[in-house]
Protein backbone atom coordinates (compact mmCIF):
# COMPACT_ATOMS: atom_id res chain seq x y z
CA LEU A 1 0.00 0.00 0.00
CA GLY A 2 2.98 2.30 0.26
CA PRO A 3 6.77 2.60 0.15
CA GLY A 4 9.07 0.55 2.32
CA SER A 5 8.62 -2.88 3.82
CA VAL A 6 6.83 -4.49 6.76
CA THR A 7 8.39 -6.87 9.26
CA PHE A 8 6.23 -9.16 11.37
CA MET A 9 7.35 -10.55 14.71
CA THR A 10 5.36 -12.65 17.15
CA LEU A 11 5.36 -12.21 20.92
CA ASP A 12 3.28 -12.66 24.05
CA VAL A 13 2.61 -9.14 25.35
CA ARG A 14 2.15 -10.53 28.87
CA LYS A 15 5.86 -11.40 29.02
CA GLN A 16 8.07 -8.38 29.50
CA ALA A 17 11.22 -10.13 28.31
CA ASP A 18 9.54 -11.02 25.00
CA VAL A 19 8.30 -7.46 24.57
CA ASN A 20 11.75 -6.03 25.24
CA VAL A 21 13.39 -8.32 22.67
CA VAL A 22 10.92 -7.35 19.93
CA PHE A 23 11.12 -3.62 20.67
CA ALA A 24 14.90 -3.70 20.78
CA ALA A 25 14.88 -5.41 17.38
CA ALA A 26 12.45 -2.80 16.02
CA HIS A 27 14.58 0.02 17.36
CA GLU A 28 17.67 -1.46 15.74
CA LYS A 29 16.01 -2.15 12.39
CA MET A 30 14.33 1.24 12.05
CA GLY A 31 16.87 3.40 13.84
CA GLY A 32 14.35 4.24 16.53
CA ILE A 33 10.62 4.01 17.14
CA ASP A 34 8.38 6.97 16.26
CA ALA A 35 4.98 5.48 17.05
CA LEU A 36 3.32 2.61 18.88
CA VAL A 37 -0.30 1.55 18.37
CA ASN A 38 -1.09 -1.03 21.03
CA THR A 39 -4.26 -2.95 20.10
CA ALA A 40 -3.70 -6.39 21.67
CA GLY A 41 -6.80 -7.62 23.46
CA VAL A 42 -8.93 -10.56 24.52
CA GLU A 43 -12.48 -10.71 25.84
CA GLN A 44 -14.24 -13.18 28.07
CA GLN A 45 -17.53 -12.44 29.78
CA VAL A 46 -17.32 -13.40 33.45
CA TYR A 47 -19.86 -12.31 36.04
CA GLY A 48 -18.47 -10.91 39.27
CA GLU A 49 -19.82 -13.77 41.38
CA ASP A 50 -18.19 -16.33 39.07
CA VAL A 51 -14.74 -14.76 38.80
CA THR A 52 -11.66 -16.95 39.24
CA GLU A 53 -7.93 -16.40 38.87
CA GLU A 54 -7.80 -17.59 35.24
CA PRO A 55 -9.86 -14.82 33.57
CA ILE A 56 -8.26 -12.16 35.77
CA ASP A 57 -4.78 -13.34 34.83
CA SER A 58 -5.67 -13.74 31.15
CA ILE A 59 -7.65 -10.55 30.57
CA LEU A 60 -5.64 -8.20 32.78
CA GLY A 61 -2.46 -9.87 31.57
CA VAL A 62 -3.06 -9.10 27.90
CA HIS A 63 -4.70 -5.72 28.39
CA PHE A 64 -2.85 -4.15 31.28
CA LYS A 65 0.50 -5.94 31.30
CA GLY A 66 0.56 -5.71 27.52
CA THR A 67 -0.04 -1.98 27.65
CA ALA A 68 2.47 -1.33 30.42
CA PHE A 69 5.23 -3.47 28.92
CA THR A 70 4.88 -2.22 25.33
CA ASN A 71 4.59 1.40 26.43
CA ALA A 72 7.66 1.16 28.66
CA ALA A 73 9.66 -0.46 25.86
CA ALA A 74 8.56 2.24 23.41
CA PHE A 75 9.48 4.94 25.93
CA ARG A 76 13.07 3.74 26.03
CA SER A 77 13.31 4.25 22.27
CA MET A 78 11.41 7.55 22.23
CA LYS A 79 12.74 9.35 25.31
CA ASP A 80 15.48 11.23 23.45
CA ARG A 81 13.51 11.95 20.27
CA GLY A 82 9.81 12.10 21.12
CA GLY A 83 7.04 9.98 19.70
CA ALA A 84 3.39 9.00 19.89
CA ILE A 85 1.70 6.11 21.67
CA VAL A 86 -1.90 5.02 21.06
CA ASN A 87 -3.49 2.58 23.49
CA TYR A 88 -6.89 0.96 23.16
CA THR A 89 -9.50 1.36 25.86
CA SER A 90 -13.21 0.63 25.45
CA LEU A 91 -16.58 2.06 26.22
CA ASN A 92 -16.63 -0.69 28.87
CA GLY A 93 -13.77 1.09 30.60
CA LEU A 94 -15.73 4.36 30.70
CA VAL A 95 -19.22 3.33 31.80
CA ALA A 96 -20.76 0.43 33.68
CA TYR A 97 -21.26 -2.53 31.36
CA PRO A 98 -23.37 -5.27 33.01
CA GLY A 99 -21.92 -8.74 33.32
CA ASN A 100 -18.35 -8.00 32.26
CA PRO A 101 -16.47 -6.52 35.24
CA VAL A 102 -13.03 -8.05 34.58
CA TYR A 103 -12.84 -6.84 30.98
CA ALA A 104 -14.15 -3.41 32.02
CA ALA A 105 -11.59 -3.20 34.83
CA ALA A 106 -8.80 -4.02 32.38
CA LYS A 107 -9.95 -1.33 29.94
CA GLY A 108 -10.32 1.19 32.76
CA ALA A 109 -6.77 0.41 33.86
CA ILE A 110 -5.49 1.13 30.34
CA LEU A 111 -7.28 4.48 30.33
CA HIS A 112 -5.80 5.66 33.61
CA TRP A 113 -2.35 4.28 32.84
CA SER A 114 -2.40 6.28 29.60
CA ARG A 115 -3.41 9.52 31.30
CA ILE A 116 -0.69 9.24 33.92
CA VAL A 117 2.15 8.42 31.54
CA ALA A 118 0.92 11.20 29.25
CA TYR A 119 1.71 13.55 32.15
CA ASP A 120 4.97 11.85 33.07
CA TRP A 121 6.34 11.55 29.54
CA GLY A 122 5.22 14.88 28.11
CA LYS A 123 8.57 16.41 29.03
CA HIS A 124 10.16 13.93 26.63
CA LYS A 125 7.79 15.06 23.84
CA ILE A 126 6.02 11.71 23.96
CA ARG A 127 2.27 11.90 23.44
CA VAL A 128 -0.03 9.17 24.81
CA ASN A 129 -3.68 8.94 23.80
CA THR A 130 -6.37 6.27 23.83
CA VAL A 131 -8.93 5.15 21.28
CA ALA A 132 -12.33 3.81 22.38
CA PRO A 133 -13.66 2.02 19.29
CA TYR A 134 -17.14 0.78 18.47
CA VAL A 135 -16.29 -1.11 15.31
CA MET A 136 -16.87 -4.56 13.86
CA THR A 137 -13.90 -6.53 15.16
CA PRO A 138 -13.55 -10.31 14.76
CA MET A 139 -14.46 -10.64 18.46
CA ALA A 140 -17.66 -8.64 17.95
CA LYS A 141 -18.61 -10.65 14.86
CA ALA A 142 -18.07 -13.95 16.69
CA SER A 143 -20.27 -12.73 19.53
CA PHE A 144 -23.04 -11.66 17.14
CA ASP A 145 -22.85 -14.92 15.19
CA ALA A 146 -23.46 -16.84 18.42
CA MET A 147 -26.69 -14.95 19.16
CA SER A 148 -30.17 -16.24 18.49
CA PRO A 149 -32.02 -14.46 15.64
CA GLU A 150 -34.30 -12.82 18.19
CA SER A 151 -31.44 -11.50 20.30
CA PHE A 152 -29.63 -10.24 17.22
CA ASP A 153 -32.75 -8.39 16.06
CA GLU A 154 -32.98 -6.73 19.47
CA LEU A 155 -29.33 -5.74 19.25
CA LYS A 156 -29.78 -4.21 15.81
CA ALA A 157 -32.76 -2.20 17.09
CA TYR A 158 -30.63 -0.98 20.03
CA PHE A 159 -27.80 0.16 17.76
CA LYS A 160 -30.24 1.88 15.44
CA GLN A 161 -31.49 3.95 18.36
CA THR A 162 -28.13 4.72 19.97
CA VAL A 163 -25.56 5.23 17.18
CA PRO A 164 -26.33 8.55 15.41
CA LEU A 165 -24.01 7.87 12.46
CA GLY A 166 -25.37 4.85 10.64
CA GLY A 167 -27.12 3.02 13.46
CA TRP A 168 -24.56 0.21 13.55
CA LEU A 169 -20.93 -0.55 14.37
CA GLY A 170 -18.30 1.14 12.23
CA GLU A 171 -15.79 -0.60 10.00
CA PRO A 172 -12.29 -1.31 11.39
CA ILE A 173 -10.83 1.23 8.94
CA GLU A 174 -12.42 4.00 11.03
CA ALA A 175 -10.26 3.05 14.01
CA ALA A 176 -7.23 2.81 11.73
CA LYS A 177 -7.85 6.38 10.56
CA ALA A 178 -7.86 7.49 14.21
CA ASN A 179 -4.55 5.73 14.75
CA VAL A 180 -2.99 7.55 11.79
CA PHE A 181 -4.23 10.91 13.08
CA LEU A 182 -2.99 10.34 16.63
CA VAL A 183 0.54 9.34 15.56
CA SER A 184 0.83 12.10 12.96
CA ASP A 185 1.99 15.69 13.32
CA ASN A 186 -1.66 16.72 12.89
CA SER A 187 -2.16 15.82 16.57
CA SER A 188 1.14 17.26 17.81
CA PHE A 189 -0.50 19.18 20.70
CA ILE A 190 -2.89 16.40 21.81
CA THR A 191 -2.06 14.06 24.68
CA GLY A 192 -3.88 12.29 27.50
CA GLN A 193 -7.13 12.23 25.52
CA ILE A 194 -9.77 9.64 24.63
CA LEU A 195 -10.85 9.54 20.99
CA SER A 196 -14.18 7.75 20.85
CA VAL A 197 -14.58 6.19 17.38
CA ASP A 198 -18.18 5.09 17.74
CA GLY A 199 -20.50 7.05 15.45
CA GLY A 200 -21.52 9.29 18.34
CA PHE A 201 -22.64 6.49 20.68
CA MET A 202 -20.69 8.02 23.55
CA MET A 203 -19.80 11.67 23.30
CA VAL A 204 -16.72 11.72 25.52
CA ARG A 205 -15.75 14.99 27.17
């Protein structure tokens, strides 16, 4: 789609040593890191009364450890040159979402982590923002496909009432456009903010 080449590397974002190896390799290959978009995530609905160690370790591990470890590794590359970090929160991290407290807690943790490091790292000209998407991800599609026709019809009616732009989830490209904006010079004086890419479902202030 453009000039240059793309290199893919695989890692477990829950393991700090793995993260550090990949980021060190990226720094070496590219001569530094200008931007990080951290989108790793998993979802598992667990009611509060049914919670066990496994979903806490899995969900908070990927979301919060993954955010902390990748951000810290990016900081080491960016601290002398500046840069932009985009983390992914969720509407679940902003408002109460029934029946999913562990996932919501993980997304809330990402949001507050991002705000604090935006303060701490601003002096290094590193910007840190979060995106709260409402788009058709593979996880969302799998969830919808598992619904009964009646439940899916109810969901469609709900979206039609609550999403001003289009009455449905956006396409993933809309979140990608937000990523491009937040790592570009067009957002050079924006940090510590939430960009809600959701067709107006939640008008964040």
